[in-house]
Amino acid sequence: ESPPESVLMKTIQYTATSSNHTIKKLLFLYYEVVNTRDRKGNLKNEFWLICDALRNDLIHPNEYLRSAALRLVSKFQEPELIGPLVSTISQSLTHHSAYVRRHAVVAIGRINQRWPNLAPDAPQDIAELLRVENDGACRRVAFLVLCDISRDLAAEFLDEVVDQSLLNLSQSMQLTATALIKSLCSDKRKASYLPALLELLGSPSPGVQLASALTLLDLTSSMT
């Protein structure tokens, strides 16, 4: 359905500052599906009004609302709206909650993919987070995002963990590392990565054992 234009203004006016989680969740879903541009292709004036409200949600003390706002900006396709919010989004990379940090990584990573000029420091910020992150799920997401937006920085991190033993990583990180090794490996780098893959054959995870075995078969024809 295409609701009247007046509905958008009323929705923003009466729900953007609500603290009710259900209403806020529905509002964010509404922002995702509503048409943000007018017939001339310009961003509707009403959407400029949500910037301040969205900025407040991005620094909200409640972890659920803050993460919901990060999910929303990761899906927005409007660089005019995202640009002024990038610095606020980046602040969540150091939030005390791993739940918030995980959503912040996805948001800033997607922004960098779509508009690198809006978040030029995103790869370095995520690489720094990856080195100090203790939460397994957040660390895996950060590694995956870094692989997507900066293969060089992901390779640097991989080289560091290879030196320390890949067996120290979680199962999901081991699988991601194996996939990255397969995509990075050239004749020059095989010598450094093949021992790491052989080491992963001793992983307690059958999935990691299989992935490393298949990767080894792809990278070398050596009988040994």
Protein backbone atom coordinates (compact mmCIF):
# COMPACT_ATOMS: atom_id res chain seq x y z
CA GLU A 1 0.00 0.00 0.00
CA SER A 2 1.02 3.62 -0.51
CA PRO A 3 -0.17 5.62 2.51
CA PRO A 4 -0.81 9.37 2.20
CA GLU A 5 2.24 11.62 2.47
CA SER A 6 0.87 13.13 5.68
CA VAL A 7 1.21 9.76 7.44
CA LEU A 8 5.02 9.96 7.29
CA MET A 9 5.14 13.30 9.09
CA LYS A 10 2.66 12.18 11.75
CA THR A 11 4.58 8.96 12.30
CA ILE A 12 7.86 10.80 12.82
CA GLN A 13 6.21 13.45 14.99
CA TYR A 14 4.53 11.08 17.43
CA THR A 15 6.75 7.99 17.54
CA ALA A 16 10.37 9.06 16.86
CA THR A 17 10.91 10.07 20.50
CA SER A 18 8.98 7.14 22.01
CA SER A 19 10.80 5.00 24.58
CA ASN A 20 8.46 2.04 24.05
CA HIS A 21 10.52 -0.80 22.59
CA THR A 22 7.69 -2.29 20.53
CA ILE A 23 6.78 1.05 18.98
CA LYS A 24 10.43 1.81 18.26
CA LYS A 25 10.92 -1.57 16.61
CA LEU A 26 7.88 -1.00 14.39
CA LEU A 27 9.09 2.51 13.58
CA PHE A 28 12.46 1.21 12.41
CA LEU A 29 10.73 -1.39 10.24
CA TYR A 30 8.58 1.41 8.81
CA TYR A 31 11.70 3.45 7.97
CA GLU A 32 13.08 0.44 6.10
CA VAL A 33 10.08 0.01 3.80
CA VAL A 34 8.73 3.53 3.35
CA ASN A 35 9.68 5.43 0.20
CA THR A 36 12.37 7.91 1.24
CA ARG A 37 12.47 9.95 -1.99
CA ASP A 38 9.98 12.14 -3.80
CA ARG A 39 9.01 11.94 -7.47
CA LYS A 40 12.04 14.03 -8.48
CA GLY A 41 14.39 11.60 -6.75
CA ASN A 42 15.27 13.94 -3.91
CA LEU A 43 15.28 12.86 -0.27
CA LYS A 44 11.98 13.81 1.34
CA ASN A 45 12.19 16.74 3.72
CA GLU A 46 10.56 14.70 6.46
CA PHE A 47 13.56 12.39 6.63
CA TRP A 48 15.89 15.21 7.59
CA LEU A 49 13.87 15.41 10.78
CA ILE A 50 14.78 11.91 11.91
CA CYS A 51 18.55 12.56 12.07
CA ASP A 52 18.53 13.96 15.61
CA ALA A 53 16.13 11.28 16.86
CA LEU A 54 18.22 8.56 15.23
CA ARG A 55 21.42 10.00 16.69
CA ASN A 56 19.85 9.82 20.14
CA ASP A 57 18.91 6.19 19.53
CA LEU A 58 22.49 5.42 18.44
CA ILE A 59 23.78 6.58 21.84
CA HIS A 60 20.81 5.28 23.84
CA PRO A 61 21.76 3.62 27.15
CA ASN A 62 19.43 0.71 26.41
CA GLU A 63 21.38 -1.94 24.49
CA TYR A 64 18.33 -3.19 22.59
CA LEU A 65 17.36 0.22 21.21
CA ARG A 66 20.94 1.10 20.41
CA SER A 67 21.44 -2.14 18.49
CA ALA A 68 18.11 -1.74 16.70
CA ALA A 69 19.21 1.71 15.54
CA LEU A 70 22.52 0.27 14.32
CA ARG A 71 20.64 -2.42 12.38
CA LEU A 72 18.53 0.28 10.77
CA VAL A 73 21.45 2.42 9.60
CA SER A 74 23.18 -0.68 8.22
CA LYS A 75 20.20 -1.13 5.89
CA PHE A 76 19.67 2.52 4.93
CA GLN A 77 20.44 3.40 1.34
CA GLU A 78 20.58 7.17 1.85
CA PRO A 79 24.15 8.52 2.14
CA GLU A 80 22.82 12.01 2.91
CA LEU A 81 21.35 10.69 6.14
CA ILE A 82 24.18 8.31 7.02
CA GLY A 83 27.04 10.77 6.60
CA PRO A 84 26.31 12.92 9.70
CA LEU A 85 25.85 9.78 11.82
CA VAL A 86 29.08 7.93 11.03
CA SER A 87 31.06 9.28 13.99
CA THR A 88 28.20 8.37 16.34
CA ILE A 89 28.02 4.86 14.87
CA SER A 90 31.77 4.40 15.33
CA GLN A 91 31.45 5.14 19.05
CA SER A 92 29.56 1.88 19.52
CA LEU A 93 32.64 -0.11 18.45
CA THR A 94 33.96 0.44 21.98
CA HIS A 95 30.65 -0.10 23.81
CA HIS A 96 30.80 -2.29 26.91
CA SER A 97 28.21 -4.70 25.46
CA ALA A 98 29.37 -7.24 22.86
CA TYR A 99 25.81 -7.26 21.48
CA VAL A 100 26.11 -3.57 20.60
CA ARG A 101 29.68 -3.90 19.30
CA ARG A 102 28.62 -6.70 16.97
CA HIS A 103 25.88 -4.57 15.39
CA ALA A 104 28.24 -1.59 15.19
CA VAL A 105 30.79 -3.65 13.24
CA VAL A 106 28.15 -4.71 10.71
CA ALA A 107 26.82 -1.16 10.36
CA ILE A 108 30.16 0.58 9.87
CA GLY A 109 31.35 -2.22 7.59
CA ARG A 110 28.34 -1.95 5.28
CA ILE A 111 28.64 1.83 5.18
CA ASN A 112 32.29 1.49 4.15
CA GLN A 113 31.35 -1.01 1.43
CA ARG A 114 28.69 1.26 -0.06
CA TRP A 115 30.30 4.64 0.46
CA PRO A 116 34.01 4.31 1.38
CA ASN A 117 34.37 8.09 1.59
CA LEU A 118 31.84 8.26 4.46
CA ALA A 119 33.74 5.83 6.70
CA PRO A 120 37.34 5.73 5.44
CA ASP A 121 38.70 4.62 8.85
CA ALA A 122 36.31 1.67 9.20
CA PRO A 123 38.83 -1.04 8.16
CA GLN A 124 41.45 0.17 10.65
CA ASP A 125 38.85 0.56 13.42
CA ILE A 126 37.54 -2.96 12.89
CA ALA A 127 41.08 -4.38 12.70
CA GLU A 128 41.88 -2.74 16.05
CA LEU A 129 38.68 -4.12 17.58
CA LEU A 130 39.51 -7.59 16.28
CA ARG A 131 42.84 -7.62 18.11
CA VAL A 132 41.33 -6.79 21.51
CA GLU A 133 37.85 -8.36 21.25
CA ASN A 134 37.14 -11.19 23.72
CA ASP A 135 33.59 -12.11 22.71
CA GLY A 136 33.66 -15.01 20.24
CA ALA A 137 30.58 -14.04 18.23
CA CYS A 138 31.64 -10.42 17.91
CA ARG A 139 35.16 -11.40 16.96
CA ARG A 140 33.94 -13.70 14.20
CA VAL A 141 31.64 -11.01 12.78
CA ALA A 142 34.50 -8.49 12.86
CA PHE A 143 36.77 -10.94 11.02
CA LEU A 144 34.13 -11.63 8.36
CA VAL A 145 33.43 -7.92 7.85
CA LEU A 146 37.15 -7.14 7.64
CA CYS A 147 37.57 -9.87 5.01
CA ASP A 148 34.88 -8.12 2.96
CA ILE A 149 36.11 -4.53 3.24
CA SER A 150 39.90 -4.92 3.51
CA ARG A 151 41.50 -8.18 2.45
CA ASP A 152 44.98 -6.76 3.22
CA LEU A 153 44.16 -5.96 6.87
CA ALA A 154 42.41 -9.32 7.25
CA ALA A 155 45.56 -10.99 5.92
CA GLU A 156 47.69 -9.08 8.42
CA PHE A 157 45.50 -10.30 11.27
CA LEU A 158 45.59 -13.82 9.87
CA ASP A 159 49.39 -13.78 9.76
CA GLU A 160 49.46 -12.71 13.41
CA VAL A 161 47.17 -15.52 14.58
CA VAL A 162 48.97 -18.08 12.40
CA ASP A 163 52.17 -17.25 14.29
CA GLN A 164 50.33 -17.82 17.59
CA SER A 165 48.57 -21.04 16.42
CA LEU A 166 45.15 -21.18 14.81
CA LEU A 167 44.11 -23.78 17.37
CA ASN A 168 43.78 -20.93 19.87
CA LEU A 169 40.84 -19.56 17.87
CA SER A 170 37.19 -20.58 18.24
CA GLN A 171 35.72 -23.11 15.80
CA SER A 172 33.89 -20.43 13.82
CA MET A 173 37.06 -18.32 13.60
CA GLN A 174 39.05 -21.36 12.46
CA LEU A 175 36.56 -21.96 9.65
CA THR A 176 36.71 -18.31 8.60
CA ALA A 177 40.52 -18.36 8.72
CA THR A 178 40.57 -21.49 6.56
CA ALA A 179 38.32 -19.85 3.95
CA LEU A 180 40.52 -16.74 3.94
CA ILE A 181 43.68 -18.82 3.53
CA LYS A 182 42.14 -20.53 0.52
CA SER A 183 41.32 -17.19 -1.12
CA LEU A 184 44.68 -15.60 -0.27
CA CYS A 185 47.03 -18.42 -1.03
CA SER A 186 49.47 -18.03 -3.86
CA ASP A 187 52.67 -19.93 -4.54
CA LYS A 188 54.57 -17.33 -2.49
CA ARG A 189 52.35 -17.68 0.58
CA LYS A 190 51.82 -21.43 0.61
CA ALA A 191 54.92 -22.04 2.68
CA SER A 192 53.56 -19.99 5.58
CA TYR A 193 49.98 -21.26 5.46
CA LEU A 194 50.35 -24.99 4.78
CA PRO A 195 51.76 -25.73 8.28
CA ALA A 196 48.81 -23.84 9.79
CA LEU A 197 46.35 -25.95 7.81
CA LEU A 198 48.13 -29.12 8.84
CA GLU A 199 47.84 -27.96 12.42
CA LEU A 200 44.07 -27.51 12.00
CA LEU A 201 43.77 -31.19 11.09
CA GLY A 202 44.18 -31.69 14.83
CA SER A 203 41.24 -29.44 15.70
CA PRO A 204 38.60 -31.06 17.94
CA SER A 205 35.95 -29.89 15.45
CA PRO A 206 35.17 -32.32 12.58
CA GLY A 207 33.98 -29.37 10.50
CA VAL A 208 37.32 -27.60 10.86
CA GLN A 209 39.19 -30.84 10.12
CA LEU A 210 37.21 -31.32 6.91
CA ALA A 211 37.59 -27.69 5.80
CA SER A 212 41.34 -27.69 6.39
CA ALA A 213 41.75 -31.06 4.64
CA LEU A 214 39.84 -29.89 1.56
CA THR A 215 41.81 -26.65 1.51
CA LEU A 216 45.09 -28.56 1.68
CA LEU A 217 44.03 -30.73 -1.26
CA ASP A 218 43.15 -27.61 -3.25
CA LEU A 219 46.43 -25.84 -2.53
CA THR A 220 48.96 -28.59 -3.08
CA SER A 221 49.38 -31.73 -5.12
CA SER A 222 52.15 -33.02 -2.86
CA MET A 223 51.69 -36.65 -1.90
CA THR A 224 52.94 -35.84 1.59
